[in-house]
Amino acid sequence: AKTNMLTKQKFSFDSNGKLANCES
């Protein structure tokens, strides 16, 4: 379940639309 839920592309780290990430 973890693998299915946490590896979907839409929830990947840099592509998450909610997160305004920092540059460093």
PDBML (XML) file of the C-alpha atoms, coordinates in Angstrom:
<?xml version="1.0" encoding="UTF-8" ?>
<PDBx:datablock datablockName="MODEL"
   xmlns:PDBx="http://pdbml.pdb.org/schema/pdbx-v50.xsd"
   xmlns:xsi="http://www.w3.org/2001/XMLSchema-instance"
   xsi:schemaLocation="http://pdbml.pdb.org/schema/pdbx-v50.xsd pdbx-v50.xsd">
   <PDBx:atom_siteCategory>
      <PDBx:atom_site id="1">
         <PDBx:B_iso_or_equiv>0.00</PDBx:B_iso_or_equiv>
         <PDBx:Cartn_x>0.000</PDBx:Cartn_x>
         <PDBx:Cartn_y>0.000</PDBx:Cartn_y>
         <PDBx:Cartn_z>0.000</PDBx:Cartn_z>
         <PDBx:auth_asym_id>A</PDBx:auth_asym_id>
         <PDBx:auth_atom_id>CA</PDBx:auth_atom_id>
         <PDBx:auth_comp_id>ALA</PDBx:auth_comp_id>
         <PDBx:auth_seq_id>1</PDBx:auth_seq_id>
         <PDBx:group_PDB>ATOM</PDBx:group_PDB>
         <PDBx:label_alt_id xsi:nil="true" />
         <PDBx:label_asym_id>A</PDBx:label_asym_id>
         <PDBx:label_atom_id>CA</PDBx:label_atom_id>
         <PDBx:label_comp_id>ALA</PDBx:label_comp_id>
         <PDBx:label_entity_id>1</PDBx:label_entity_id>
         <PDBx:label_seq_id>1</PDBx:label_seq_id>
         <PDBx:occupancy>1.00</PDBx:occupancy>
         <PDBx:pdbx_PDB_model_num>1</PDBx:pdbx_PDB_model_num>
         <PDBx:type_symbol>C</PDBx:type_symbol>
      </PDBx:atom_site>
      <PDBx:atom_site id="2">
         <PDBx:B_iso_or_equiv>0.00</PDBx:B_iso_or_equiv>
         <PDBx:Cartn_x>2.848</PDBx:Cartn_x>
         <PDBx:Cartn_y>2.322</PDBx:Cartn_y>
         <PDBx:Cartn_z>0.905</PDBx:Cartn_z>
         <PDBx:auth_asym_id>A</PDBx:auth_asym_id>
         <PDBx:auth_atom_id>CA</PDBx:auth_atom_id>
         <PDBx:auth_comp_id>LYS</PDBx:auth_comp_id>
         <PDBx:auth_seq_id>2</PDBx:auth_seq_id>
         <PDBx:group_PDB>ATOM</PDBx:group_PDB>
         <PDBx:label_alt_id xsi:nil="true" />
         <PDBx:label_asym_id>A</PDBx:label_asym_id>
         <PDBx:label_atom_id>CA</PDBx:label_atom_id>
         <PDBx:label_comp_id>LYS</PDBx:label_comp_id>
         <PDBx:label_entity_id>1</PDBx:label_entity_id>
         <PDBx:label_seq_id>2</PDBx:label_seq_id>
         <PDBx:occupancy>1.00</PDBx:occupancy>
         <PDBx:pdbx_PDB_model_num>1</PDBx:pdbx_PDB_model_num>
         <PDBx:type_symbol>C</PDBx:type_symbol>
      </PDBx:atom_site>
      <PDBx:atom_site id="3">
         <PDBx:B_iso_or_equiv>0.00</PDBx:B_iso_or_equiv>
         <PDBx:Cartn_x>4.617</PDBx:Cartn_x>
         <PDBx:Cartn_y>1.687</PDBx:Cartn_y>
         <PDBx:Cartn_z>-2.383</PDBx:Cartn_z>
         <PDBx:auth_asym_id>A</PDBx:auth_asym_id>
         <PDBx:auth_atom_id>CA</PDBx:auth_atom_id>
         <PDBx:auth_comp_id>THR</PDBx:auth_comp_id>
         <PDBx:auth_seq_id>3</PDBx:auth_seq_id>
         <PDBx:group_PDB>ATOM</PDBx:group_PDB>
         <PDBx:label_alt_id xsi:nil="true" />
         <PDBx:label_asym_id>A</PDBx:label_asym_id>
         <PDBx:label_atom_id>CA</PDBx:label_atom_id>
         <PDBx:label_comp_id>THR</PDBx:label_comp_id>
         <PDBx:label_entity_id>1</PDBx:label_entity_id>
         <PDBx:label_seq_id>3</PDBx:label_seq_id>
         <PDBx:occupancy>1.00</PDBx:occupancy>
         <PDBx:pdbx_PDB_model_num>1</PDBx:pdbx_PDB_model_num>
         <PDBx:type_symbol>C</PDBx:type_symbol>
      </PDBx:atom_site>
      <PDBx:atom_site id="4">
         <PDBx:B_iso_or_equiv>0.00</PDBx:B_iso_or_equiv>
         <PDBx:Cartn_x>1.418</PDBx:Cartn_x>
         <PDBx:Cartn_y>2.332</PDBx:Cartn_y>
         <PDBx:Cartn_z>-4.339</PDBx:Cartn_z>
         <PDBx:auth_asym_id>A</PDBx:auth_asym_id>
         <PDBx:auth_atom_id>CA</PDBx:auth_atom_id>
         <PDBx:auth_comp_id>ASN</PDBx:auth_comp_id>
         <PDBx:auth_seq_id>4</PDBx:auth_seq_id>
         <PDBx:group_PDB>ATOM</PDBx:group_PDB>
         <PDBx:label_alt_id xsi:nil="true" />
         <PDBx:label_asym_id>A</PDBx:label_asym_id>
         <PDBx:label_atom_id>CA</PDBx:label_atom_id>
         <PDBx:label_comp_id>ASN</PDBx:label_comp_id>
         <PDBx:label_entity_id>1</PDBx:label_entity_id>
         <PDBx:label_seq_id>4</PDBx:label_seq_id>
         <PDBx:occupancy>1.00</PDBx:occupancy>
         <PDBx:pdbx_PDB_model_num>1</PDBx:pdbx_PDB_model_num>
         <PDBx:type_symbol>C</PDBx:type_symbol>
      </PDBx:atom_site>
      <PDBx:atom_site id="5">
         <PDBx:B_iso_or_equiv>0.00</PDBx:B_iso_or_equiv>
         <PDBx:Cartn_x>0.478</PDBx:Cartn_x>
         <PDBx:Cartn_y>5.474</PDBx:Cartn_y>
         <PDBx:Cartn_z>-2.445</PDBx:Cartn_z>
         <PDBx:auth_asym_id>A</PDBx:auth_asym_id>
         <PDBx:auth_atom_id>CA</PDBx:auth_atom_id>
         <PDBx:auth_comp_id>MET</PDBx:auth_comp_id>
         <PDBx:auth_seq_id>5</PDBx:auth_seq_id>
         <PDBx:group_PDB>ATOM</PDBx:group_PDB>
         <PDBx:label_alt_id xsi:nil="true" />
         <PDBx:label_asym_id>A</PDBx:label_asym_id>
         <PDBx:label_atom_id>CA</PDBx:label_atom_id>
         <PDBx:label_comp_id>MET</PDBx:label_comp_id>
         <PDBx:label_entity_id>1</PDBx:label_entity_id>
         <PDBx:label_seq_id>5</PDBx:label_seq_id>
         <PDBx:occupancy>1.00</PDBx:occupancy>
         <PDBx:pdbx_PDB_model_num>1</PDBx:pdbx_PDB_model_num>
         <PDBx:type_symbol>C</PDBx:type_symbol>
      </PDBx:atom_site>
      <PDBx:atom_site id="6">
         <PDBx:B_iso_or_equiv>0.00</PDBx:B_iso_or_equiv>
         <PDBx:Cartn_x>3.835</PDBx:Cartn_x>
         <PDBx:Cartn_y>7.151</PDBx:Cartn_y>
         <PDBx:Cartn_z>-1.987</PDBx:Cartn_z>
         <PDBx:auth_asym_id>A</PDBx:auth_asym_id>
         <PDBx:auth_atom_id>CA</PDBx:auth_atom_id>
         <PDBx:auth_comp_id>LEU</PDBx:auth_comp_id>
         <PDBx:auth_seq_id>6</PDBx:auth_seq_id>
         <PDBx:group_PDB>ATOM</PDBx:group_PDB>
         <PDBx:label_alt_id xsi:nil="true" />
         <PDBx:label_asym_id>A</PDBx:label_asym_id>
         <PDBx:label_atom_id>CA</PDBx:label_atom_id>
         <PDBx:label_comp_id>LEU</PDBx:label_comp_id>
         <PDBx:label_entity_id>1</PDBx:label_entity_id>
         <PDBx:label_seq_id>6</PDBx:label_seq_id>
         <PDBx:occupancy>1.00</PDBx:occupancy>
         <PDBx:pdbx_PDB_model_num>1</PDBx:pdbx_PDB_model_num>
         <PDBx:type_symbol>C</PDBx:type_symbol>
      </PDBx:atom_site>
      <PDBx:atom_site id="7">
         <PDBx:B_iso_or_equiv>0.00</PDBx:B_iso_or_equiv>
         <PDBx:Cartn_x>5.383</PDBx:Cartn_x>
         <PDBx:Cartn_y>6.555</PDBx:Cartn_y>
         <PDBx:Cartn_z>-5.399</PDBx:Cartn_z>
         <PDBx:auth_asym_id>A</PDBx:auth_asym_id>
         <PDBx:auth_atom_id>CA</PDBx:auth_atom_id>
         <PDBx:auth_comp_id>THR</PDBx:auth_comp_id>
         <PDBx:auth_seq_id>7</PDBx:auth_seq_id>
         <PDBx:group_PDB>ATOM</PDBx:group_PDB>
         <PDBx:label_alt_id xsi:nil="true" />
         <PDBx:label_asym_id>A</PDBx:label_asym_id>
         <PDBx:label_atom_id>CA</PDBx:label_atom_id>
         <PDBx:label_comp_id>THR</PDBx:label_comp_id>
         <PDBx:label_entity_id>1</PDBx:label_entity_id>
         <PDBx:label_seq_id>7</PDBx:label_seq_id>
         <PDBx:occupancy>1.00</PDBx:occupancy>
         <PDBx:pdbx_PDB_model_num>1</PDBx:pdbx_PDB_model_num>
         <PDBx:type_symbol>C</PDBx:type_symbol>
      </PDBx:atom_site>
      <PDBx:atom_site id="8">
         <PDBx:B_iso_or_equiv>0.00</PDBx:B_iso_or_equiv>
         <PDBx:Cartn_x>2.604</PDBx:Cartn_x>
         <PDBx:Cartn_y>7.991</PDBx:Cartn_y>
         <PDBx:Cartn_z>-7.560</PDBx:Cartn_z>
         <PDBx:auth_asym_id>A</PDBx:auth_asym_id>
         <PDBx:auth_atom_id>CA</PDBx:auth_atom_id>
         <PDBx:auth_comp_id>LYS</PDBx:auth_comp_id>
         <PDBx:auth_seq_id>8</PDBx:auth_seq_id>
         <PDBx:group_PDB>ATOM</PDBx:group_PDB>
         <PDBx:label_alt_id xsi:nil="true" />
         <PDBx:label_asym_id>A</PDBx:label_asym_id>
         <PDBx:label_atom_id>CA</PDBx:label_atom_id>
         <PDBx:label_comp_id>LYS</PDBx:label_comp_id>
         <PDBx:label_entity_id>1</PDBx:label_entity_id>
         <PDBx:label_seq_id>8</PDBx:label_seq_id>
         <PDBx:occupancy>1.00</PDBx:occupancy>
         <PDBx:pdbx_PDB_model_num>1</PDBx:pdbx_PDB_model_num>
         <PDBx:type_symbol>C</PDBx:type_symbol>
      </PDBx:atom_site>
      <PDBx:atom_site id="9">
         <PDBx:B_iso_or_equiv>0.00</PDBx:B_iso_or_equiv>
         <PDBx:Cartn_x>4.059</PDBx:Cartn_x>
         <PDBx:Cartn_y>10.748</PDBx:Cartn_y>
         <PDBx:Cartn_z>-9.727</PDBx:Cartn_z>
         <PDBx:auth_asym_id>A</PDBx:auth_asym_id>
         <PDBx:auth_atom_id>CA</PDBx:auth_atom_id>
         <PDBx:auth_comp_id>GLN</PDBx:auth_comp_id>
         <PDBx:auth_seq_id>9</PDBx:auth_seq_id>
         <PDBx:group_PDB>ATOM</PDBx:group_PDB>
         <PDBx:label_alt_id xsi:nil="true" />
         <PDBx:label_asym_id>A</PDBx:label_asym_id>
         <PDBx:label_atom_id>CA</PDBx:label_atom_id>
         <PDBx:label_comp_id>GLN</PDBx:label_comp_id>
         <PDBx:label_entity_id>1</PDBx:label_entity_id>
         <PDBx:label_seq_id>9</PDBx:label_seq_id>
         <PDBx:occupancy>1.00</PDBx:occupancy>
         <PDBx:pdbx_PDB_model_num>1</PDBx:pdbx_PDB_model_num>
         <PDBx:type_symbol>C</PDBx:type_symbol>
      </PDBx:atom_site>
      <PDBx:atom_site id="10">
         <PDBx:B_iso_or_equiv>0.00</PDBx:B_iso_or_equiv>
         <PDBx:Cartn_x>1.562</PDBx:Cartn_x>
         <PDBx:Cartn_y>13.375</PDBx:Cartn_y>
         <PDBx:Cartn_z>-8.602</PDBx:Cartn_z>
         <PDBx:auth_asym_id>A</PDBx:auth_asym_id>
         <PDBx:auth_atom_id>CA</PDBx:auth_atom_id>
         <PDBx:auth_comp_id>LYS</PDBx:auth_comp_id>
         <PDBx:auth_seq_id>10</PDBx:auth_seq_id>
         <PDBx:group_PDB>ATOM</PDBx:group_PDB>
         <PDBx:label_alt_id xsi:nil="true" />
         <PDBx:label_asym_id>A</PDBx:label_asym_id>
         <PDBx:label_atom_id>CA</PDBx:label_atom_id>
         <PDBx:label_comp_id>LYS</PDBx:label_comp_id>
         <PDBx:label_entity_id>1</PDBx:label_entity_id>
         <PDBx:label_seq_id>10</PDBx:label_seq_id>
         <PDBx:occupancy>1.00</PDBx:occupancy>
         <PDBx:pdbx_PDB_model_num>1</PDBx:pdbx_PDB_model_num>
         <PDBx:type_symbol>C</PDBx:type_symbol>
      </PDBx:atom_site>
      <PDBx:atom_site id="11">
         <PDBx:B_iso_or_equiv>0.00</PDBx:B_iso_or_equiv>
         <PDBx:Cartn_x>2.863</PDBx:Cartn_x>
         <PDBx:Cartn_y>13.066</PDBx:Cartn_y>
         <PDBx:Cartn_z>-5.046</PDBx:Cartn_z>
         <PDBx:auth_asym_id>A</PDBx:auth_asym_id>
         <PDBx:auth_atom_id>CA</PDBx:auth_atom_id>
         <PDBx:auth_comp_id>PHE</PDBx:auth_comp_id>
         <PDBx:auth_seq_id>11</PDBx:auth_seq_id>
         <PDBx:group_PDB>ATOM</PDBx:group_PDB>
         <PDBx:label_alt_id xsi:nil="true" />
         <PDBx:label_asym_id>A</PDBx:label_asym_id>
         <PDBx:label_atom_id>CA</PDBx:label_atom_id>
         <PDBx:label_comp_id>PHE</PDBx:label_comp_id>
         <PDBx:label_entity_id>1</PDBx:label_entity_id>
         <PDBx:label_seq_id>11</PDBx:label_seq_id>
         <PDBx:occupancy>1.00</PDBx:occupancy>
         <PDBx:pdbx_PDB_model_num>1</PDBx:pdbx_PDB_model_num>
         <PDBx:type_symbol>C</PDBx:type_symbol>
      </PDBx:atom_site>
      <PDBx:atom_site id="12">
         <PDBx:B_iso_or_equiv>0.00</PDBx:B_iso_or_equiv>
         <PDBx:Cartn_x>6.551</PDBx:Cartn_x>
         <PDBx:Cartn_y>13.154</PDBx:Cartn_y>
         <PDBx:Cartn_z>-5.908</PDBx:Cartn_z>
         <PDBx:auth_asym_id>A</PDBx:auth_asym_id>
         <PDBx:auth_atom_id>CA</PDBx:auth_atom_id>
         <PDBx:auth_comp_id>SER</PDBx:auth_comp_id>
         <PDBx:auth_seq_id>12</PDBx:auth_seq_id>
         <PDBx:group_PDB>ATOM</PDBx:group_PDB>
         <PDBx:label_alt_id xsi:nil="true" />
         <PDBx:label_asym_id>A</PDBx:label_asym_id>
         <PDBx:label_atom_id>CA</PDBx:label_atom_id>
         <PDBx:label_comp_id>SER</PDBx:label_comp_id>
         <PDBx:label_entity_id>1</PDBx:label_entity_id>
         <PDBx:label_seq_id>12</PDBx:label_seq_id>
         <PDBx:occupancy>1.00</PDBx:occupancy>
         <PDBx:pdbx_PDB_model_num>1</PDBx:pdbx_PDB_model_num>
         <PDBx:type_symbol>C</PDBx:type_symbol>
      </PDBx:atom_site>
      <PDBx:atom_site id="13">
         <PDBx:B_iso_or_equiv>0.00</PDBx:B_iso_or_equiv>
         <PDBx:Cartn_x>8.639</PDBx:Cartn_x>
         <PDBx:Cartn_y>15.719</PDBx:Cartn_y>
         <PDBx:Cartn_z>-4.071</PDBx:Cartn_z>
         <PDBx:auth_asym_id>A</PDBx:auth_asym_id>
         <PDBx:auth_atom_id>CA</PDBx:auth_atom_id>
         <PDBx:auth_comp_id>PHE</PDBx:auth_comp_id>
         <PDBx:auth_seq_id>13</PDBx:auth_seq_id>
         <PDBx:group_PDB>ATOM</PDBx:group_PDB>
         <PDBx:label_alt_id xsi:nil="true" />
         <PDBx:label_asym_id>A</PDBx:label_asym_id>
         <PDBx:label_atom_id>CA</PDBx:label_atom_id>
         <PDBx:label_comp_id>PHE</PDBx:label_comp_id>
         <PDBx:label_entity_id>1</PDBx:label_entity_id>
         <PDBx:label_seq_id>13</PDBx:label_seq_id>
         <PDBx:occupancy>1.00</PDBx:occupancy>
         <PDBx:pdbx_PDB_model_num>1</PDBx:pdbx_PDB_model_num>
         <PDBx:type_symbol>C</PDBx:type_symbol>
      </PDBx:atom_site>
      <PDBx:atom_site id="14">
         <PDBx:B_iso_or_equiv>0.00</PDBx:B_iso_or_equiv>
         <PDBx:Cartn_x>9.306</PDBx:Cartn_x>
         <PDBx:Cartn_y>18.414</PDBx:Cartn_y>
         <PDBx:Cartn_z>-6.640</PDBx:Cartn_z>
         <PDBx:auth_asym_id>A</PDBx:auth_asym_id>
         <PDBx:auth_atom_id>CA</PDBx:auth_atom_id>
         <PDBx:auth_comp_id>ASP</PDBx:auth_comp_id>
         <PDBx:auth_seq_id>14</PDBx:auth_seq_id>
         <PDBx:group_PDB>ATOM</PDBx:group_PDB>
         <PDBx:label_alt_id xsi:nil="true" />
         <PDBx:label_asym_id>A</PDBx:label_asym_id>
         <PDBx:label_atom_id>CA</PDBx:label_atom_id>
         <PDBx:label_comp_id>ASP</PDBx:label_comp_id>
         <PDBx:label_entity_id>1</PDBx:label_entity_id>
         <PDBx:label_seq_id>14</PDBx:label_seq_id>
         <PDBx:occupancy>1.00</PDBx:occupancy>
         <PDBx:pdbx_PDB_model_num>1</PDBx:pdbx_PDB_model_num>
         <PDBx:type_symbol>C</PDBx:type_symbol>
      </PDBx:atom_site>
      <PDBx:atom_site id="15">
         <PDBx:B_iso_or_equiv>0.00</PDBx:B_iso_or_equiv>
         <PDBx:Cartn_x>6.118</PDBx:Cartn_x>
         <PDBx:Cartn_y>18.069</PDBx:Cartn_y>
         <PDBx:Cartn_z>-8.659</PDBx:Cartn_z>
         <PDBx:auth_asym_id>A</PDBx:auth_asym_id>
         <PDBx:auth_atom_id>CA</PDBx:auth_atom_id>
         <PDBx:auth_comp_id>SER</PDBx:auth_comp_id>
         <PDBx:auth_seq_id>15</PDBx:auth_seq_id>
         <PDBx:group_PDB>ATOM</PDBx:group_PDB>
         <PDBx:label_alt_id xsi:nil="true" />
         <PDBx:label_asym_id>A</PDBx:label_asym_id>
         <PDBx:label_atom_id>CA</PDBx:label_atom_id>
         <PDBx:label_comp_id>SER</PDBx:label_comp_id>
         <PDBx:label_entity_id>1</PDBx:label_entity_id>
         <PDBx:label_seq_id>15</PDBx:label_seq_id>
         <PDBx:occupancy>1.00</PDBx:occupancy>
         <PDBx:pdbx_PDB_model_num>1</PDBx:pdbx_PDB_model_num>
         <PDBx:type_symbol>C</PDBx:type_symbol>
      </PDBx:atom_site>
      <PDBx:atom_site id="16">
         <PDBx:B_iso_or_equiv>0.00</PDBx:B_iso_or_equiv>
         <PDBx:Cartn_x>3.783</PDBx:Cartn_x>
         <PDBx:Cartn_y>18.660</PDBx:Cartn_y>
         <PDBx:Cartn_z>-5.701</PDBx:Cartn_z>
         <PDBx:auth_asym_id>A</PDBx:auth_asym_id>
         <PDBx:auth_atom_id>CA</PDBx:auth_atom_id>
         <PDBx:auth_comp_id>ASN</PDBx:auth_comp_id>
         <PDBx:auth_seq_id>16</PDBx:auth_seq_id>
         <PDBx:group_PDB>ATOM</PDBx:group_PDB>
         <PDBx:label_alt_id xsi:nil="true" />
         <PDBx:label_asym_id>A</PDBx:label_asym_id>
         <PDBx:label_atom_id>CA</PDBx:label_atom_id>
         <PDBx:label_comp_id>ASN</PDBx:label_comp_id>
         <PDBx:label_entity_id>1</PDBx:label_entity_id>
         <PDBx:label_seq_id>16</PDBx:label_seq_id>
         <PDBx:occupancy>1.00</PDBx:occupancy>
         <PDBx:pdbx_PDB_model_num>1</PDBx:pdbx_PDB_model_num>
         <PDBx:type_symbol>C</PDBx:type_symbol>
      </PDBx:atom_site>
      <PDBx:atom_site id="17">
         <PDBx:B_iso_or_equiv>0.00</PDBx:B_iso_or_equiv>
         <PDBx:Cartn_x>1.868</PDBx:Cartn_x>
         <PDBx:Cartn_y>21.812</PDBx:Cartn_y>
         <PDBx:Cartn_z>-6.570</PDBx:Cartn_z>
         <PDBx:auth_asym_id>A</PDBx:auth_asym_id>
         <PDBx:auth_atom_id>CA</PDBx:auth_atom_id>
         <PDBx:auth_comp_id>GLY</PDBx:auth_comp_id>
         <PDBx:auth_seq_id>17</PDBx:auth_seq_id>
         <PDBx:group_PDB>ATOM</PDBx:group_PDB>
         <PDBx:label_alt_id xsi:nil="true" />
         <PDBx:label_asym_id>A</PDBx:label_asym_id>
         <PDBx:label_atom_id>CA</PDBx:label_atom_id>
         <PDBx:label_comp_id>GLY</PDBx:label_comp_id>
         <PDBx:label_entity_id>1</PDBx:label_entity_id>
         <PDBx:label_seq_id>17</PDBx:label_seq_id>
         <PDBx:occupancy>1.00</PDBx:occupancy>
         <PDBx:pdbx_PDB_model_num>1</PDBx:pdbx_PDB_model_num>
         <PDBx:type_symbol>C</PDBx:type_symbol>
      </PDBx:atom_site>
      <PDBx:atom_site id="18">
         <PDBx:B_iso_or_equiv>0.00</PDBx:B_iso_or_equiv>
         <PDBx:Cartn_x>1.252</PDBx:Cartn_x>
         <PDBx:Cartn_y>22.729</PDBx:Cartn_y>
         <PDBx:Cartn_z>-2.924</PDBx:Cartn_z>
         <PDBx:auth_asym_id>A</PDBx:auth_asym_id>
         <PDBx:auth_atom_id>CA</PDBx:auth_atom_id>
         <PDBx:auth_comp_id>LYS</PDBx:auth_comp_id>
         <PDBx:auth_seq_id>18</PDBx:auth_seq_id>
         <PDBx:group_PDB>ATOM</PDBx:group_PDB>
         <PDBx:label_alt_id xsi:nil="true" />
         <PDBx:label_asym_id>A</PDBx:label_asym_id>
         <PDBx:label_atom_id>CA</PDBx:label_atom_id>
         <PDBx:label_comp_id>LYS</PDBx:label_comp_id>
         <PDBx:label_entity_id>1</PDBx:label_entity_id>
         <PDBx:label_seq_id>18</PDBx:label_seq_id>
         <PDBx:occupancy>1.00</PDBx:occupancy>
         <PDBx:pdbx_PDB_model_num>1</PDBx:pdbx_PDB_model_num>
         <PDBx:type_symbol>C</PDBx:type_symbol>
      </PDBx:atom_site>
      <PDBx:atom_site id="19">
         <PDBx:B_iso_or_equiv>0.00</PDBx:B_iso_or_equiv>
         <PDBx:Cartn_x>4.898</PDBx:Cartn_x>
         <PDBx:Cartn_y>22.884</PDBx:Cartn_y>
         <PDBx:Cartn_z>-1.918</PDBx:Cartn_z>
         <PDBx:auth_asym_id>A</PDBx:auth_asym_id>
         <PDBx:auth_atom_id>CA</PDBx:auth_atom_id>
         <PDBx:auth_comp_id>LEU</PDBx:auth_comp_id>
         <PDBx:auth_seq_id>19</PDBx:auth_seq_id>
         <PDBx:group_PDB>ATOM</PDBx:group_PDB>
         <PDBx:label_alt_id xsi:nil="true" />
         <PDBx:label_asym_id>A</PDBx:label_asym_id>
         <PDBx:label_atom_id>CA</PDBx:label_atom_id>
         <PDBx:label_comp_id>LEU</PDBx:label_comp_id>
         <PDBx:label_entity_id>1</PDBx:label_entity_id>
         <PDBx:label_seq_id>19</PDBx:label_seq_id>
         <PDBx:occupancy>1.00</PDBx:occupancy>
         <PDBx:pdbx_PDB_model_num>1</PDBx:pdbx_PDB_model_num>
         <PDBx:type_symbol>C</PDBx:type_symbol>
      </PDBx:atom_site>
      <PDBx:atom_site id="20">
         <PDBx:B_iso_or_equiv>0.00</PDBx:B_iso_or_equiv>
         <PDBx:Cartn_x>6.797</PDBx:Cartn_x>
         <PDBx:Cartn_y>26.088</PDBx:Cartn_y>
         <PDBx:Cartn_z>-2.643</PDBx:Cartn_z>
         <PDBx:auth_asym_id>A</PDBx:auth_asym_id>
         <PDBx:auth_atom_id>CA</PDBx:auth_atom_id>
         <PDBx:auth_comp_id>ALA</PDBx:auth_comp_id>
         <PDBx:auth_seq_id>20</PDBx:auth_seq_id>
         <PDBx:group_PDB>ATOM</PDBx:group_PDB>
         <PDBx:label_alt_id xsi:nil="true" />
         <PDBx:label_asym_id>A</PDBx:label_asym_id>
         <PDBx:label_atom_id>CA</PDBx:label_atom_id>
         <PDBx:label_comp_id>ALA</PDBx:label_comp_id>
         <PDBx:label_entity_id>1</PDBx:label_entity_id>
         <PDBx:label_seq_id>20</PDBx:label_seq_id>
         <PDBx:occupancy>1.00</PDBx:occupancy>
         <PDBx:pdbx_PDB_model_num>1</PDBx:pdbx_PDB_model_num>
         <PDBx:type_symbol>C</PDBx:type_symbol>
      </PDBx:atom_site>
      <PDBx:atom_site id="21">
         <PDBx:B_iso_or_equiv>0.00</PDBx:B_iso_or_equiv>
         <PDBx:Cartn_x>10.256</PDBx:Cartn_x>
         <PDBx:Cartn_y>24.594</PDBx:Cartn_y>
         <PDBx:Cartn_z>-2.242</PDBx:Cartn_z>
         <PDBx:auth_asym_id>A</PDBx:auth_asym_id>
         <PDBx:auth_atom_id>CA</PDBx:auth_atom_id>
         <PDBx:auth_comp_id>ASN</PDBx:auth_comp_id>
         <PDBx:auth_seq_id>21</PDBx:auth_seq_id>
         <PDBx:group_PDB>ATOM</PDBx:group_PDB>
         <PDBx:label_alt_id xsi:nil="true" />
         <PDBx:label_asym_id>A</PDBx:label_asym_id>
         <PDBx:label_atom_id>CA</PDBx:label_atom_id>
         <PDBx:label_comp_id>ASN</PDBx:label_comp_id>
         <PDBx:label_entity_id>1</PDBx:label_entity_id>
         <PDBx:label_seq_id>21</PDBx:label_seq_id>
         <PDBx:occupancy>1.00</PDBx:occupancy>
         <PDBx:pdbx_PDB_model_num>1</PDBx:pdbx_PDB_model_num>
         <PDBx:type_symbol>C</PDBx:type_symbol>
      </PDBx:atom_site>
      <PDBx:atom_site id="22">
         <PDBx:B_iso_or_equiv>0.00</PDBx:B_iso_or_equiv>
         <PDBx:Cartn_x>13.466</PDBx:Cartn_x>
         <PDBx:Cartn_y>26.462</PDBx:Cartn_y>
         <PDBx:Cartn_z>-1.464</PDBx:Cartn_z>
         <PDBx:auth_asym_id>A</PDBx:auth_asym_id>
         <PDBx:auth_atom_id>CA</PDBx:auth_atom_id>
         <PDBx:auth_comp_id>CYS</PDBx:auth_comp_id>
         <PDBx:auth_seq_id>22</PDBx:auth_seq_id>
         <PDBx:group_PDB>ATOM</PDBx:group_PDB>
         <PDBx:label_alt_id xsi:nil="true" />
         <PDBx:label_asym_id>A</PDBx:label_asym_id>
         <PDBx:label_atom_id>CA</PDBx:label_atom_id>
         <PDBx:label_comp_id>CYS</PDBx:label_comp_id>
         <PDBx:label_entity_id>1</PDBx:label_entity_id>
         <PDBx:label_seq_id>22</PDBx:label_seq_id>
         <PDBx:occupancy>1.00</PDBx:occupancy>
         <PDBx:pdbx_PDB_model_num>1</PDBx:pdbx_PDB_model_num>
         <PDBx:type_symbol>C</PDBx:type_symbol>
      </PDBx:atom_site>
      <PDBx:atom_site id="23">
         <PDBx:B_iso_or_equiv>0.00</PDBx:B_iso_or_equiv>
         <PDBx:Cartn_x>16.386</PDBx:Cartn_x>
         <PDBx:Cartn_y>26.664</PDBx:Cartn_y>
         <PDBx:Cartn_z>-3.871</PDBx:Cartn_z>
         <PDBx:auth_asym_id>A</PDBx:auth_asym_id>
         <PDBx:auth_atom_id>CA</PDBx:auth_atom_id>
         <PDBx:auth_comp_id>GLU</PDBx:auth_comp_id>
         <PDBx:auth_seq_id>23</PDBx:auth_seq_id>
         <PDBx:group_PDB>ATOM</PDBx:group_PDB>
         <PDBx:label_alt_id xsi:nil="true" />
         <PDBx:label_asym_id>A</PDBx:label_asym_id>
         <PDBx:label_atom_id>CA</PDBx:label_atom_id>
         <PDBx:label_comp_id>GLU</PDBx:label_comp_id>
         <PDBx:label_entity_id>1</PDBx:label_entity_id>
         <PDBx:label_seq_id>23</PDBx:label_seq_id>
         <PDBx:occupancy>1.00</PDBx:occupancy>
         <PDBx:pdbx_PDB_model_num>1</PDBx:pdbx_PDB_model_num>
         <PDBx:type_symbol>C</PDBx:type_symbol>
      </PDBx:atom_site>
      <PDBx:atom_site id="24">
         <PDBx:B_iso_or_equiv>0.00</PDBx:B_iso_or_equiv>
         <PDBx:Cartn_x>19.091</PDBx:Cartn_x>
         <PDBx:Cartn_y>25.299</PDBx:Cartn_y>
         <PDBx:Cartn_z>-1.573</PDBx:Cartn_z>
         <PDBx:auth_asym_id>A</PDBx:auth_asym_id>
         <PDBx:auth_atom_id>CA</PDBx:auth_atom_id>
         <PDBx:auth_comp_id>SER</PDBx:auth_comp_id>
         <PDBx:auth_seq_id>24</PDBx:auth_seq_id>
         <PDBx:group_PDB>ATOM</PDBx:group_PDB>
         <PDBx:label_alt_id xsi:nil="true" />
         <PDBx:label_asym_id>A</PDBx:label_asym_id>
         <PDBx:label_atom_id>CA</PDBx:label_atom_id>
         <PDBx:label_comp_id>SER</PDBx:label_comp_id>
         <PDBx:label_entity_id>1</PDBx:label_entity_id>
         <PDBx:label_seq_id>24</PDBx:label_seq_id>
         <PDBx:occupancy>1.00</PDBx:occupancy>
         <PDBx:pdbx_PDB_model_num>1</PDBx:pdbx_PDB_model_num>
         <PDBx:type_symbol>C</PDBx:type_symbol>
      </PDBx:atom_site>
   </PDBx:atom_siteCategory>
</PDBx:datablock>
